[in-house]
């Protein structure tokens, strides 16, 4: 009650002009304080929204990585299953037999097998082959035959128009397969 009486006394002693100045300062300070609070509120809200968006993007990326990891694991199990079916598979012999069956042996000039050590649990065995005097039908039949064996895949294919024989193509193809590393090759003796 005493505080109200003091305020009333002060208001009685000041003139109208001073009253409007004090009231304006009081209202202005309240509006300024409210403006600062609202500005901080919206600044903090926008910052939190940006963080939420970043977290959602990171979550989606993590989900994509997890999905890809599951897919890779599934594919690796499929590859291991295919490799375990025939542990004595020799790509050079299979490729030579396939070329002979397709009647392309006279068009084949080079077939060089080689092994490439990989960082994972497999050794990649490739056959570099070169064919001359091929047409698109021969190439299609060759590629279909490779595709029919789940163990083989075409790693590289180069088709060039022949400069020696008109209307024929020269084909360089690299066909590969994977072989599981043995425990000695993995360093688990």
N, C-alpha and C. Protein backbone atom coordinates (compact mmCIF):
# COMPACT_ATOMS: atom_id res chain seq x y z
N UNK A 1 0.80 -1.17 0.00
CA UNK A 1 0.00 0.00 0.00
C UNK A 1 0.86 1.26 0.00
N UNK A 2 1.93 1.19 0.71
CA UNK A 2 2.84 2.32 0.78
C UNK A 2 3.45 2.65 -0.58
N UNK A 3 3.76 1.62 -1.35
CA UNK A 3 4.36 1.83 -2.67
C UNK A 3 3.39 2.55 -3.58
N UNK A 4 2.12 2.22 -3.50
CA UNK A 4 1.12 2.88 -4.33
C UNK A 4 0.96 4.35 -3.92
N UNK A 5 1.06 4.61 -2.66
CA UNK A 5 0.95 5.99 -2.20
C UNK A 5 2.14 6.82 -2.69
N UNK A 6 3.34 6.22 -2.69
CA UNK A 6 4.52 6.93 -3.19
C UNK A 6 4.38 7.23 -4.68
N UNK A 7 3.89 6.26 -5.41
CA UNK A 7 3.70 6.46 -6.86
C UNK A 7 2.65 7.54 -7.08
N UNK A 8 1.61 7.52 -6.32
CA UNK A 8 0.54 8.52 -6.44
C UNK A 8 1.09 9.91 -6.11
N UNK A 9 1.93 10.03 -5.11
CA UNK A 9 2.53 11.29 -4.73
C UNK A 9 3.41 11.82 -5.84
N UNK A 10 4.21 10.92 -6.46
CA UNK A 10 5.10 11.33 -7.55
C UNK A 10 4.28 11.82 -8.72
N UNK A 11 3.19 11.14 -9.03
CA UNK A 11 2.34 11.53 -10.14
C UNK A 11 1.64 12.87 -9.86
N UNK A 12 1.35 13.17 -8.63
CA UNK A 12 0.72 14.42 -8.27
C UNK A 12 1.69 15.59 -8.40
N UNK A 13 2.97 15.33 -8.20
CA UNK A 13 3.95 16.41 -8.22
C UNK A 13 4.48 16.73 -9.61
N UNK A 14 4.35 15.81 -10.55
CA UNK A 14 4.88 16.08 -11.90
C UNK A 14 3.80 16.67 -12.77
N UNK A 15 4.24 17.43 -13.78
CA UNK A 15 3.25 18.01 -14.68
C UNK A 15 2.89 17.03 -15.79
N UNK A 16 1.96 17.41 -16.60
CA UNK A 16 1.43 16.54 -17.64
C UNK A 16 2.50 16.14 -18.66
N UNK A 17 3.36 17.05 -19.04
CA UNK A 17 4.41 16.78 -20.03
C UNK A 17 5.40 15.74 -19.50
N UNK A 18 5.82 15.89 -18.27
CA UNK A 18 6.74 14.92 -17.67
C UNK A 18 6.06 13.55 -17.55
N UNK A 19 4.76 13.58 -17.22
CA UNK A 19 4.03 12.32 -17.12
C UNK A 19 4.04 11.58 -18.45
N UNK A 20 3.78 12.27 -19.55
CA UNK A 20 3.80 11.62 -20.87
C UNK A 20 5.19 11.11 -21.22
N UNK A 21 6.21 11.84 -20.83
CA UNK A 21 7.60 11.39 -21.09
C UNK A 21 7.87 10.11 -20.32
N UNK A 22 7.52 10.10 -19.00
CA UNK A 22 7.75 8.90 -18.19
C UNK A 22 6.91 7.71 -18.68
N UNK A 23 5.68 8.00 -19.03
CA UNK A 23 4.80 6.92 -19.53
C UNK A 23 5.34 6.37 -20.86
N UNK A 24 5.82 7.28 -21.72
CA UNK A 24 6.40 6.85 -23.01
C UNK A 24 7.64 6.01 -22.81
N UNK A 25 8.50 6.45 -21.85
CA UNK A 25 9.71 5.66 -21.56
C UNK A 25 9.32 4.28 -21.02
N UNK A 26 8.34 4.25 -20.11
CA UNK A 26 7.90 2.98 -19.54
C UNK A 26 7.32 2.06 -20.61
N UNK A 27 6.41 2.56 -21.43
CA UNK A 27 5.80 1.76 -22.49
C UNK A 27 6.87 1.36 -23.51
N UNK A 28 7.76 2.29 -23.86
CA UNK A 28 8.83 1.98 -24.82
C UNK A 28 9.76 0.89 -24.32
N UNK A 29 10.10 0.96 -23.02
CA UNK A 29 10.99 -0.07 -22.47
C UNK A 29 10.29 -1.43 -22.46
N UNK A 30 8.98 -1.42 -22.15
CA UNK A 30 8.23 -2.69 -22.18
C UNK A 30 8.19 -3.23 -23.61
N UNK A 31 7.91 -2.37 -24.59
CA UNK A 31 7.87 -2.82 -25.99
C UNK A 31 9.24 -3.29 -26.46
N UNK A 32 10.29 -2.57 -26.05
CA UNK A 32 11.65 -2.98 -26.43
C UNK A 32 12.00 -4.33 -25.82
N UNK A 33 11.66 -4.50 -24.55
CA UNK A 33 11.92 -5.79 -23.89
C UNK A 33 11.15 -6.90 -24.58
N UNK A 34 9.89 -6.64 -24.89
CA UNK A 34 9.08 -7.64 -25.57
C UNK A 34 9.64 -7.95 -26.97
N UNK A 35 10.12 -6.93 -27.67
CA UNK A 35 10.72 -7.14 -28.98
C UNK A 35 11.98 -8.00 -28.91
N UNK A 36 12.82 -7.72 -27.90
CA UNK A 36 14.03 -8.52 -27.72
C UNK A 36 13.68 -9.98 -27.41
N UNK A 37 12.68 -10.16 -26.55
CA UNK A 37 12.26 -11.53 -26.20
C UNK A 37 11.73 -12.25 -27.44
N UNK A 38 10.88 -11.58 -28.23
CA UNK A 38 10.35 -12.21 -29.45
C UNK A 38 11.46 -12.51 -30.46
N UNK A 39 12.39 -11.56 -30.61
CA UNK A 39 13.50 -11.78 -31.54
C UNK A 39 14.33 -12.99 -31.12
N UNK A 40 14.65 -13.09 -29.81
CA UNK A 40 15.41 -14.26 -29.32
C UNK A 40 14.61 -15.55 -29.52
N UNK A 41 13.31 -15.48 -29.29
CA UNK A 41 12.46 -16.66 -29.45
C UNK A 41 12.51 -17.15 -30.90
N UNK A 42 12.29 -16.26 -31.85
CA UNK A 42 12.29 -16.67 -33.26
C UNK A 42 13.68 -17.08 -33.73
N UNK A 43 14.71 -16.44 -33.21
CA UNK A 43 16.08 -16.84 -33.57
C UNK A 43 16.36 -18.26 -33.08
N UNK A 44 16.00 -18.53 -31.84
CA UNK A 44 16.22 -19.86 -31.26
C UNK A 44 15.38 -20.91 -31.98
N UNK A 45 14.12 -20.55 -32.30
CA UNK A 45 13.23 -21.47 -33.01
C UNK A 45 13.80 -21.82 -34.38
N UNK A 46 14.27 -20.83 -35.11
CA UNK A 46 14.84 -21.09 -36.44
C UNK A 46 16.10 -21.94 -36.34
N UNK A 47 16.91 -21.68 -35.33
CA UNK A 47 18.12 -22.49 -35.13
C UNK A 47 17.74 -23.94 -34.86
N UNK A 48 16.75 -24.15 -34.01
CA UNK A 48 16.30 -25.51 -33.70
C UNK A 48 15.69 -26.19 -34.93
N UNK A 49 14.96 -25.45 -35.74
CA UNK A 49 14.42 -26.03 -36.98
C UNK A 49 15.53 -26.48 -37.91
N UNK A 50 16.56 -25.64 -38.06
CA UNK A 50 17.70 -26.03 -38.91
C UNK A 50 18.37 -27.28 -38.37
N UNK A 51 18.54 -27.36 -37.06
CA UNK A 51 19.14 -28.56 -36.45
C UNK A 51 18.27 -29.79 -36.67
N UNK A 52 16.97 -29.63 -36.55
CA UNK A 52 16.05 -30.75 -36.79
C UNK A 52 16.15 -31.21 -38.24
N UNK A 53 16.19 -30.27 -39.18
CA UNK A 53 16.33 -30.63 -40.60
C UNK A 53 17.64 -31.36 -40.85
N UNK A 54 18.72 -30.87 -40.24
CA UNK A 54 20.02 -31.52 -40.40
C UNK A 54 19.99 -32.93 -39.82
N UNK A 55 19.38 -33.08 -38.66
CA UNK A 55 19.28 -34.41 -38.05
C UNK A 55 18.44 -35.34 -38.91
N UNK A 56 17.35 -34.84 -39.48
CA UNK A 56 16.51 -35.67 -40.36
C UNK A 56 17.26 -36.10 -41.61
N UNK A 57 18.04 -35.17 -42.18
CA UNK A 57 18.83 -35.52 -43.37
C UNK A 57 19.88 -36.57 -42.99
N UNK A 58 20.53 -36.39 -41.85
CA UNK A 58 21.52 -37.36 -41.39
C UNK A 58 20.88 -38.71 -41.12
N UNK A 59 19.68 -38.71 -40.55
CA UNK A 59 18.96 -39.95 -40.28
C UNK A 59 18.64 -40.68 -41.59
N UNK A 60 18.19 -39.91 -42.60
CA UNK A 60 17.87 -40.52 -43.89
C UNK A 60 19.14 -41.07 -44.54
N UNK A 61 20.25 -40.34 -44.43
CA UNK A 61 21.51 -40.85 -44.96
C UNK A 61 21.93 -42.14 -44.26
N UNK A 62 21.79 -42.15 -42.94
CA UNK A 62 22.13 -43.36 -42.19
C UNK A 62 21.24 -44.52 -42.60
N UNK A 63 19.96 -44.25 -42.83
CA UNK A 63 19.04 -45.30 -43.27
C UNK A 63 19.44 -45.82 -44.64
N UNK A 64 19.84 -44.91 -45.55
CA UNK A 64 20.31 -45.34 -46.88
C UNK A 64 21.55 -46.20 -46.77
N UNK A 65 22.48 -45.80 -45.92
CA UNK A 65 23.71 -46.57 -45.73
C UNK A 65 23.37 -47.95 -45.17
N UNK A 66 22.48 -47.99 -44.21
CA UNK A 66 22.07 -49.27 -43.61
C UNK A 66 21.41 -50.16 -44.66
N UNK A 67 20.54 -49.59 -45.49
CA UNK A 67 19.88 -50.36 -46.54
C UNK A 67 20.90 -50.90 -47.53
N UNK A 68 21.85 -50.03 -47.93
CA UNK A 68 22.88 -50.48 -48.86
C UNK A 68 23.75 -51.57 -48.24
N UNK A 69 24.05 -51.44 -46.96
CA UNK A 69 24.86 -52.47 -46.28
C UNK A 69 24.13 -53.80 -46.25
N UNK A 70 22.81 -53.76 -46.02
CA UNK A 70 22.03 -55.00 -46.04
C UNK A 70 22.03 -55.61 -47.43
N UNK A 71 21.89 -54.75 -48.46
CA UNK A 71 21.89 -55.24 -49.84
C UNK A 71 23.24 -55.87 -50.18
N UNK A 72 24.32 -55.21 -49.77
CA UNK A 72 25.66 -55.74 -50.05
C UNK A 72 25.86 -57.07 -49.33
N UNK A 73 25.39 -57.15 -48.09
CA UNK A 73 25.52 -58.40 -47.33
C UNK A 73 24.74 -59.52 -48.01
N UNK A 74 23.54 -59.20 -48.50
CA UNK A 74 22.73 -60.20 -49.21
C UNK A 74 23.42 -60.65 -50.49
N UNK A 75 23.97 -59.67 -51.24
CA UNK A 75 24.68 -60.01 -52.47
C UNK A 75 25.93 -60.83 -52.18
N UNK A 76 26.61 -60.52 -51.08
CA UNK A 76 27.81 -61.28 -50.73
C UNK A 76 27.45 -62.72 -50.38
N UNK A 77 26.31 -62.91 -49.71
CA UNK A 77 25.87 -64.27 -49.42
C UNK A 77 25.53 -65.01 -50.70
N UNK A 78 24.89 -64.31 -51.65
CA UNK A 78 24.58 -64.93 -52.94
C UNK A 78 25.86 -65.32 -53.68
N UNK A 79 26.84 -64.42 -53.67
CA UNK A 79 28.12 -64.71 -54.33
C UNK A 79 28.80 -65.89 -53.66
N UNK A 80 28.80 -65.92 -52.33
CA UNK A 80 29.41 -67.05 -51.62
C UNK A 80 28.69 -68.35 -51.97
N UNK A 81 27.36 -68.30 -52.10
CA UNK A 81 26.61 -69.50 -52.47
C UNK A 81 26.97 -69.97 -53.87
N UNK A 82 27.07 -69.03 -54.81
CA UNK A 82 27.45 -69.39 -56.19
C UNK A 82 28.86 -69.96 -56.22
N UNK A 83 29.78 -69.34 -55.46
CA UNK A 83 31.17 -69.81 -55.46
C UNK A 83 31.31 -71.18 -54.80
N UNK A 84 30.47 -71.48 -53.83
CA UNK A 84 30.57 -72.76 -53.15
C UNK A 84 30.02 -73.92 -53.97
N UNK A 85 29.21 -73.61 -55.01
CA UNK A 85 28.65 -74.66 -55.86
C UNK A 85 29.73 -75.41 -56.63
N UNK A 86 30.72 -74.68 -57.14
CA UNK A 86 31.79 -75.29 -57.93
C UNK A 86 33.11 -74.69 -57.49
N UNK A 87 33.77 -75.37 -56.57
CA UNK A 87 35.02 -74.82 -56.02
C UNK A 87 36.21 -74.98 -56.97
N UNK A 88 36.08 -75.84 -57.97
CA UNK A 88 37.19 -76.06 -58.92
C UNK A 88 36.95 -75.38 -60.26
N UNK A 89 36.20 -74.30 -60.27
CA UNK A 89 35.88 -73.59 -61.51
C UNK A 89 37.14 -72.93 -62.06
N UNK A 90 37.40 -73.15 -63.33
CA UNK A 90 38.55 -72.55 -64.03
C UNK A 90 37.99 -71.71 -65.17
N UNK A 91 38.16 -70.41 -65.08
CA UNK A 91 37.56 -69.50 -66.05
C UNK A 91 38.17 -69.67 -67.44
N UNK A 92 39.48 -69.91 -67.51
CA UNK A 92 40.14 -70.04 -68.82
C UNK A 92 39.58 -71.23 -69.59
N UNK A 93 39.45 -72.37 -68.92
CA UNK A 93 38.90 -73.56 -69.58
C UNK A 93 37.44 -73.37 -69.96
N UNK A 94 36.65 -72.78 -69.07
CA UNK A 94 35.24 -72.55 -69.35
C UNK A 94 35.08 -71.59 -70.52
N UNK A 95 35.87 -70.50 -70.54
CA UNK A 95 35.77 -69.52 -71.61
C UNK A 95 36.15 -70.14 -72.95
N UNK A 96 37.23 -70.94 -72.96
CA UNK A 96 37.66 -71.60 -74.21
C UNK A 96 36.57 -72.55 -74.72
N UNK A 97 35.99 -73.32 -73.82
CA UNK A 97 34.92 -74.25 -74.21
C UNK A 97 33.70 -73.50 -74.72
N UNK A 98 33.35 -72.40 -74.07
CA UNK A 98 32.20 -71.61 -74.49
C UNK A 98 32.42 -71.01 -75.88
N UNK A 99 33.62 -70.49 -76.14
CA UNK A 99 33.94 -69.90 -77.45
C UNK A 99 33.88 -70.98 -78.52
N UNK A 100 34.38 -72.18 -78.23
CA UNK A 100 34.32 -73.29 -79.19
C UNK A 100 32.88 -73.68 -79.48
N UNK A 101 32.03 -73.75 -78.45
CA UNK A 101 30.63 -74.12 -78.65
C UNK A 101 29.88 -73.08 -79.48
N UNK A 102 30.27 -71.82 -79.35
CA UNK A 102 29.61 -70.76 -80.11
C UNK A 102 30.16 -70.63 -81.52
N UNK A 103 31.21 -71.39 -81.83
CA UNK A 103 31.81 -71.34 -83.16
C UNK A 103 32.61 -70.06 -83.40
N UNK A 104 33.15 -69.50 -82.36
CA UNK A 104 33.91 -68.26 -82.48
C UNK A 104 35.41 -68.46 -82.30
N UNK A 105 35.85 -69.73 -82.22
CA UNK A 105 37.27 -69.98 -81.93
C UNK A 105 38.18 -69.49 -83.05
N UNK A 106 37.71 -69.53 -84.31
CA UNK A 106 38.56 -69.04 -85.41
C UNK A 106 38.65 -67.52 -85.42
N UNK A 107 37.72 -66.85 -84.74
CA UNK A 107 37.74 -65.39 -84.67
C UNK A 107 38.49 -64.87 -83.45
N UNK A 108 38.80 -65.77 -82.53
CA UNK A 108 39.51 -65.37 -81.32
C UNK A 108 41.01 -65.35 -81.59
N UNK A 109 41.65 -64.24 -81.21
CA UNK A 109 43.09 -64.11 -81.44
C UNK A 109 43.88 -64.31 -80.16
N UNK A 110 43.40 -63.75 -79.05
CA UNK A 110 44.14 -63.82 -77.79
C UNK A 110 43.15 -64.13 -76.66
N UNK A 111 43.60 -64.97 -75.74
CA UNK A 111 42.84 -65.20 -74.50
C UNK A 111 43.85 -65.43 -73.39
N UNK A 112 44.09 -64.41 -72.58
CA UNK A 112 45.09 -64.49 -71.53
C UNK A 112 44.43 -64.43 -70.16
N UNK A 113 44.54 -65.51 -69.38
CA UNK A 113 44.00 -65.44 -68.01
C UNK A 113 45.02 -64.84 -67.05
N UNK A 114 44.51 -64.16 -66.03
CA UNK A 114 45.39 -63.67 -64.97
C UNK A 114 44.57 -63.50 -63.70
N UNK A 115 45.25 -63.54 -62.56
CA UNK A 115 44.58 -63.39 -61.27
C UNK A 115 44.93 -62.04 -60.66
N UNK A 116 43.95 -61.44 -60.03
CA UNK A 116 44.13 -60.14 -59.39
C UNK A 116 43.72 -60.29 -57.93
N UNK A 117 44.65 -59.97 -57.03
CA UNK A 117 44.36 -60.05 -55.60
C UNK A 117 43.56 -58.83 -55.18
N UNK A 118 42.45 -59.06 -54.50
CA UNK A 118 41.58 -57.95 -54.06
C UNK A 118 41.73 -57.75 -52.55
N UNK A 119 41.20 -56.64 -52.07
CA UNK A 119 41.29 -56.32 -50.64
C UNK A 119 40.30 -57.11 -49.80
N UNK A 120 39.26 -57.65 -50.44
CA UNK A 120 38.27 -58.40 -49.68
C UNK A 120 38.64 -59.88 -49.64
N UNK A 121 37.71 -60.77 -49.44
CA UNK A 121 37.98 -62.20 -49.28
C UNK A 121 38.00 -62.96 -50.59
N UNK A 122 38.25 -62.27 -51.70
CA UNK A 122 38.18 -62.91 -53.00
C UNK A 122 39.43 -62.62 -53.83
N UNK A 123 39.65 -63.51 -54.77
CA UNK A 123 40.65 -63.30 -55.82
C UNK A 123 39.87 -63.20 -57.11
N UNK A 124 40.14 -62.18 -57.89
CA UNK A 124 39.45 -62.00 -59.16
C UNK A 124 40.31 -62.62 -60.25
N UNK A 125 39.73 -63.55 -60.99
CA UNK A 125 40.42 -64.17 -62.11
C UNK A 125 39.78 -63.65 -63.39
N UNK A 126 40.60 -63.11 -64.29
CA UNK A 126 40.08 -62.50 -65.51
C UNK A 126 40.68 -63.17 -66.74
N UNK A 127 39.94 -63.10 -67.83
CA UNK A 127 40.43 -63.55 -69.13
C UNK A 127 40.32 -62.35 -70.06
N UNK A 128 41.47 -61.93 -70.60
CA UNK A 128 41.50 -60.86 -71.61
C UNK A 128 41.43 -61.54 -72.97
N UNK A 129 40.38 -61.28 -73.71
CA UNK A 129 40.20 -61.94 -75.01
C UNK A 129 40.05 -60.88 -76.09
N UNK A 130 40.54 -61.23 -77.28
CA UNK A 130 40.41 -60.35 -78.43
C UNK A 130 39.84 -61.16 -79.58
N UNK A 131 38.82 -60.60 -80.22
CA UNK A 131 38.18 -61.25 -81.36
C UNK A 131 38.25 -60.31 -82.55
N UNK A 132 38.40 -60.89 -83.74
CA UNK A 132 38.39 -60.11 -84.98
C UNK A 132 37.32 -60.67 -85.90
N UNK A 133 36.96 -59.91 -86.89
CA UNK A 133 35.98 -60.29 -87.90
C UNK A 133 34.64 -60.71 -87.27
N UNK A 134 34.22 -59.94 -86.27
CA UNK A 134 32.96 -60.23 -85.57
C UNK A 134 31.86 -59.34 -86.16
N UNK A 135 30.62 -59.81 -86.02
CA UNK A 135 29.47 -58.97 -86.35
C UNK A 135 28.64 -58.82 -85.07
N UNK A 136 27.62 -58.01 -85.13
CA UNK A 136 26.83 -57.74 -83.92
C UNK A 136 26.12 -59.00 -83.41
N UNK A 137 25.76 -59.89 -84.31
CA UNK A 137 25.12 -61.13 -83.88
C UNK A 137 26.08 -61.96 -83.05
N UNK A 138 27.33 -62.09 -83.52
CA UNK A 138 28.34 -62.85 -82.77
C UNK A 138 28.58 -62.23 -81.39
N UNK A 139 28.66 -60.90 -81.34
CA UNK A 139 28.90 -60.22 -80.07
C UNK A 139 27.73 -60.45 -79.12
N UNK A 140 26.51 -60.36 -79.64
CA UNK A 140 25.32 -60.56 -78.81
C UNK A 140 25.27 -61.97 -78.25
N UNK A 141 25.57 -62.95 -79.10
CA UNK A 141 25.56 -64.35 -78.64
C UNK A 141 26.63 -64.57 -77.59
N UNK A 142 27.80 -63.99 -77.78
CA UNK A 142 28.89 -64.12 -76.80
C UNK A 142 28.48 -63.50 -75.46
N UNK A 143 27.92 -62.31 -75.50
CA UNK A 143 27.53 -61.63 -74.26
C UNK A 143 26.40 -62.36 -73.55
N UNK A 144 25.46 -62.91 -74.32
CA UNK A 144 24.37 -63.69 -73.71
C UNK A 144 24.91 -64.95 -73.05
N UNK A 145 25.87 -65.59 -73.68
CA UNK A 145 26.45 -66.80 -73.10
C UNK A 145 27.19 -66.49 -71.80
N UNK A 146 27.86 -65.37 -71.77
CA UNK A 146 28.55 -64.96 -70.54
C UNK A 146 27.53 -64.65 -69.45
N UNK A 147 26.46 -63.98 -69.83
CA UNK A 147 25.43 -63.58 -68.86
C UNK A 147 24.70 -64.79 -68.28
N UNK A 148 24.61 -65.88 -69.03
CA UNK A 148 23.88 -67.06 -68.57
C UNK A 148 24.59 -67.76 -67.41
N UNK A 149 25.88 -67.60 -67.29
CA UNK A 149 26.61 -68.20 -66.19
C UNK A 149 26.72 -67.16 -65.08
N UNK A 150 26.08 -67.44 -63.95
CA UNK A 150 26.06 -66.49 -62.84
C UNK A 150 27.44 -66.23 -62.26
N UNK A 151 28.36 -67.12 -62.54
CA UNK A 151 29.71 -66.99 -62.01
C UNK A 151 30.54 -65.99 -62.77
N UNK A 152 30.18 -65.71 -64.01
CA UNK A 152 30.95 -64.81 -64.87
C UNK A 152 30.31 -63.43 -64.93
N UNK A 153 31.14 -62.45 -65.15
CA UNK A 153 30.63 -61.11 -65.44
C UNK A 153 31.59 -60.42 -66.40
N UNK A 154 31.03 -59.54 -67.21
CA UNK A 154 31.83 -58.79 -68.16
C UNK A 154 32.38 -57.57 -67.43
N UNK A 155 33.69 -57.50 -67.38
CA UNK A 155 34.32 -56.39 -66.66
C UNK A 155 34.57 -55.21 -67.59
N UNK A 156 34.92 -55.52 -68.82
CA UNK A 156 35.21 -54.46 -69.79
C UNK A 156 34.88 -54.97 -71.18
N UNK A 157 34.38 -54.08 -72.01
CA UNK A 157 34.03 -54.44 -73.39
C UNK A 157 34.38 -53.26 -74.28
N UNK A 158 35.14 -53.54 -75.32
CA UNK A 158 35.52 -52.50 -76.29
C UNK A 158 35.22 -53.03 -77.68
N UNK A 159 34.39 -52.31 -78.42
CA UNK A 159 34.02 -52.71 -79.78
C UNK A 159 34.49 -51.60 -80.72
N UNK A 160 35.30 -52.00 -81.71
CA UNK A 160 35.86 -51.04 -82.65
C UNK A 160 35.61 -51.56 -84.06
N UNK A 161 35.30 -50.65 -84.98
CA UNK A 161 35.13 -51.03 -86.38
C UNK A 161 36.50 -51.49 -86.92
N UNK A 162 36.49 -52.61 -87.61
CA UNK A 162 37.73 -53.17 -88.15
C UNK A 162 38.27 -52.30 -89.29
N UNK A 163 39.58 -52.06 -89.27
CA UNK A 163 40.21 -51.30 -90.35
C UNK A 163 40.69 -52.23 -91.46
N UNK A 164 40.81 -53.52 -91.12
CA UNK A 164 41.33 -54.49 -92.09
C UNK A 164 40.22 -55.10 -92.94
N UNK A 165 39.11 -55.41 -92.32
CA UNK A 165 38.00 -56.06 -93.03
C UNK A 165 36.77 -55.14 -92.96
N UNK A 166 36.18 -54.78 -94.10
CA UNK A 166 35.00 -53.92 -94.05
C UNK A 166 33.80 -54.67 -93.45
N UNK A 167 32.93 -53.93 -92.82
CA UNK A 167 31.70 -54.45 -92.22
C UNK A 167 31.93 -55.48 -91.12
N UNK A 168 33.07 -55.43 -90.48
CA UNK A 168 33.33 -56.33 -89.34
C UNK A 168 33.81 -55.48 -88.16
N UNK A 169 33.79 -56.11 -87.01
CA UNK A 169 34.17 -55.44 -85.77
C UNK A 169 35.30 -56.19 -85.08
N UNK A 170 36.11 -55.44 -84.35
CA UNK A 170 37.12 -56.04 -83.48
C UNK A 170 36.65 -55.84 -82.05
N UNK A 171 36.73 -56.89 -81.26
CA UNK A 171 36.20 -56.86 -79.91
C UNK A 171 37.30 -57.23 -78.92
N UNK A 172 37.45 -56.37 -77.91
CA UNK A 172 38.30 -56.69 -76.76
C UNK A 172 37.38 -56.81 -75.57
N UNK A 173 37.45 -57.94 -74.89
CA UNK A 173 36.54 -58.18 -73.77
C UNK A 173 37.35 -58.74 -72.60
N UNK A 174 36.99 -58.30 -71.43
CA UNK A 174 37.57 -58.84 -70.21
C UNK A 174 36.42 -59.48 -69.44
N UNK A 175 36.53 -60.78 -69.26
CA UNK A 175 35.53 -61.55 -68.53
C UNK A 175 36.17 -61.96 -67.22
N UNK A 176 35.43 -61.87 -66.13
CA UNK A 176 36.01 -62.14 -64.81
C UNK A 176 35.10 -63.03 -63.98
N UNK A 177 35.71 -63.62 -62.98
CA UNK A 177 34.99 -64.38 -61.96
C UNK A 177 35.72 -64.18 -60.64
N UNK A 178 35.05 -64.52 -59.56
CA UNK A 178 35.66 -64.42 -58.24
C UNK A 178 35.93 -65.81 -57.71
N UNK A 179 37.02 -65.94 -57.00
CA UNK A 179 37.37 -67.18 -56.31
C UNK A 179 37.60 -66.83 -54.85
N UNK A 180 37.13 -67.66 -53.94
CA UNK A 180 37.37 -67.36 -52.52
C UNK A 180 38.84 -67.56 -52.18
N UNK A 181 39.36 -66.68 -51.33
CA UNK A 181 40.73 -66.83 -50.87
C UNK A 181 40.79 -67.98 -49.87
N UNK A 182 41.90 -68.67 -49.88
CA UNK A 182 42.08 -69.72 -48.88
C UNK A 182 42.51 -69.09 -47.56
N UNK A 183 42.51 -69.88 -46.50
CA UNK A 183 42.87 -69.33 -45.20
C UNK A 183 44.34 -68.89 -45.18
N UNK A 184 45.20 -69.53 -45.97
CA UNK A 184 46.60 -69.10 -46.05
C UNK A 184 46.69 -67.74 -46.73
N UNK A 185 45.90 -67.54 -47.79
CA UNK A 185 45.92 -66.26 -48.50
C UNK A 185 45.34 -65.14 -47.64
N UNK A 186 44.42 -65.49 -46.76
CA UNK A 186 43.83 -64.49 -45.87
C UNK A 186 44.76 -64.19 -44.69
N UNK A 187 45.80 -65.00 -44.49
CA UNK A 187 46.73 -64.80 -43.40
C UNK A 187 46.25 -65.40 -42.10
N UNK A 188 45.39 -66.43 -42.17
CA UNK A 188 44.87 -67.09 -40.97
C UNK A 188 45.41 -68.50 -40.88
N UNK A 189 46.66 -68.63 -40.72
CA UNK A 189 47.24 -69.97 -40.71
C UNK A 189 47.02 -70.65 -39.39
